[in-house]
Amino acid sequence: MMPNVRAKERVLVACAAITFGLCLTAAPGSAQTQTPAPAEQNQGSGTPPTATPAPASAKLPEGQIEQLVAPIALYPDALLSQVLMASTYPLEVVEAARWSKANASIKGRTLEDAMQKQSWDPSVKALAAVPQTLQMMSDKLEWTQQLGDAFLAQEEDVMSAVQKLRERAEAAGNLKSTPQQKVSRASPPAGVSVPAGAQPPIVIEPVDPGTYYVPVYDPAVAYGTWEYPAYSPFYWYPPGFVASGVVAFTAGVVVSAAIWGGCDWWRRSVNINVNRFNQFNRTNIVNNAWVHNPAHRGAVAYRDAGVAARFGKGNTAAAREAARGRSNIGQRDLSKAGPGRRDAMKPGAGNRAAK
């Protein structure tokens, strides 16, 4: 009897070994093939895990940033800031543009009421009061996303590029006060002095803060000789618009308190006019600092890995894809967003045609 028992034991042990080996091979989460998560490795040690810094993304060159801001650098400061903020939410821009086109007759207080029912970011809601600009952002959707990505990653560089272009437009005689807007120089805040030989930042404001006239111009002309042939900006104007002069204006649109953004040129950042923001959005905020909200980003990836890491908790998939350098996933999402044209903003891909 003993030989038979021992033979059966050997068979059972062999079967168990084979079964365990198969489990190790098939299970992706096995101890043999999976490295414990950093948090698990440090459990009980009393020392928090060391965060791995996000891989650095290449900064956009000066010429490319100027290419991106050229179509809007001559906008009034408040409208410019709204475009920069809203550009970080490209999918919501498309939704808002569709809504605006379908509800073109809704304005004023009725528009404010309607916006309370929408779930878009406040910066996107604000642009419903300026449908021409919202439509441009939707038509030029790839540009919108690239502008937003540049703004999130290199805000100071973007704001500096706007000032450089304004200086060139002024030198070319194409930026001056008109019945639609006032052009001036910003007064330095207390304790700040303008360096010798430097000029204070250029400020553009509507003559009537409740009415905006959107400037329409060809960037290749408005700024004098364009300095970056490899980065040609596009030229867009509203359907049926007839330009008169290098810089023309659309018909005025009454915005009431809808446009609540602002520019702090001394700090090279955007901010919020708290009173106007609260009036339009029916809120009670007290902080005038603008902060990007990744919850409104949707599935659009961030181009810059550092930006993706900053906002990854609200957009984990986007952060992961950006860290891998695979921001094309965001392009796929944008391509599904609707009829907005995805005009390539590649070097040399300037577009002079009216859209």
Foldseek 3Di string as FASTA:
>chain_A
DVVVVVVVVVVVVVVVVVVVVVCVVPDCPDPVNDDDDQQVVCPPVPDGGDDDDFDFDDADDLLQLLQLCLQPLQFAFLLSQLLLQCLLQLLVLLVLLVVLVVPVVQADPSLLVVLLPDPADLSSSLCSLVNFVSLVCLQQVQSSNVSNLNCLVPLLSNLVSSQVQQVLLVVVVNDADDLFKHKDFDDDPPPDDDDPPDGGGIGIATPDNQKHWGKFAQSCPSRPHRDALQQHHEHEDDPPDDDDDRIDTDPIGGSQLSRFKGADSVVSHIWGNQVSSCVSNVDRDDGTHDDRDCLSRPQQARQTLNSCVVRCVNHVVSNVCNSVNNRCVNVVVSVPSDDRHNQDRGTNSYHHDYD
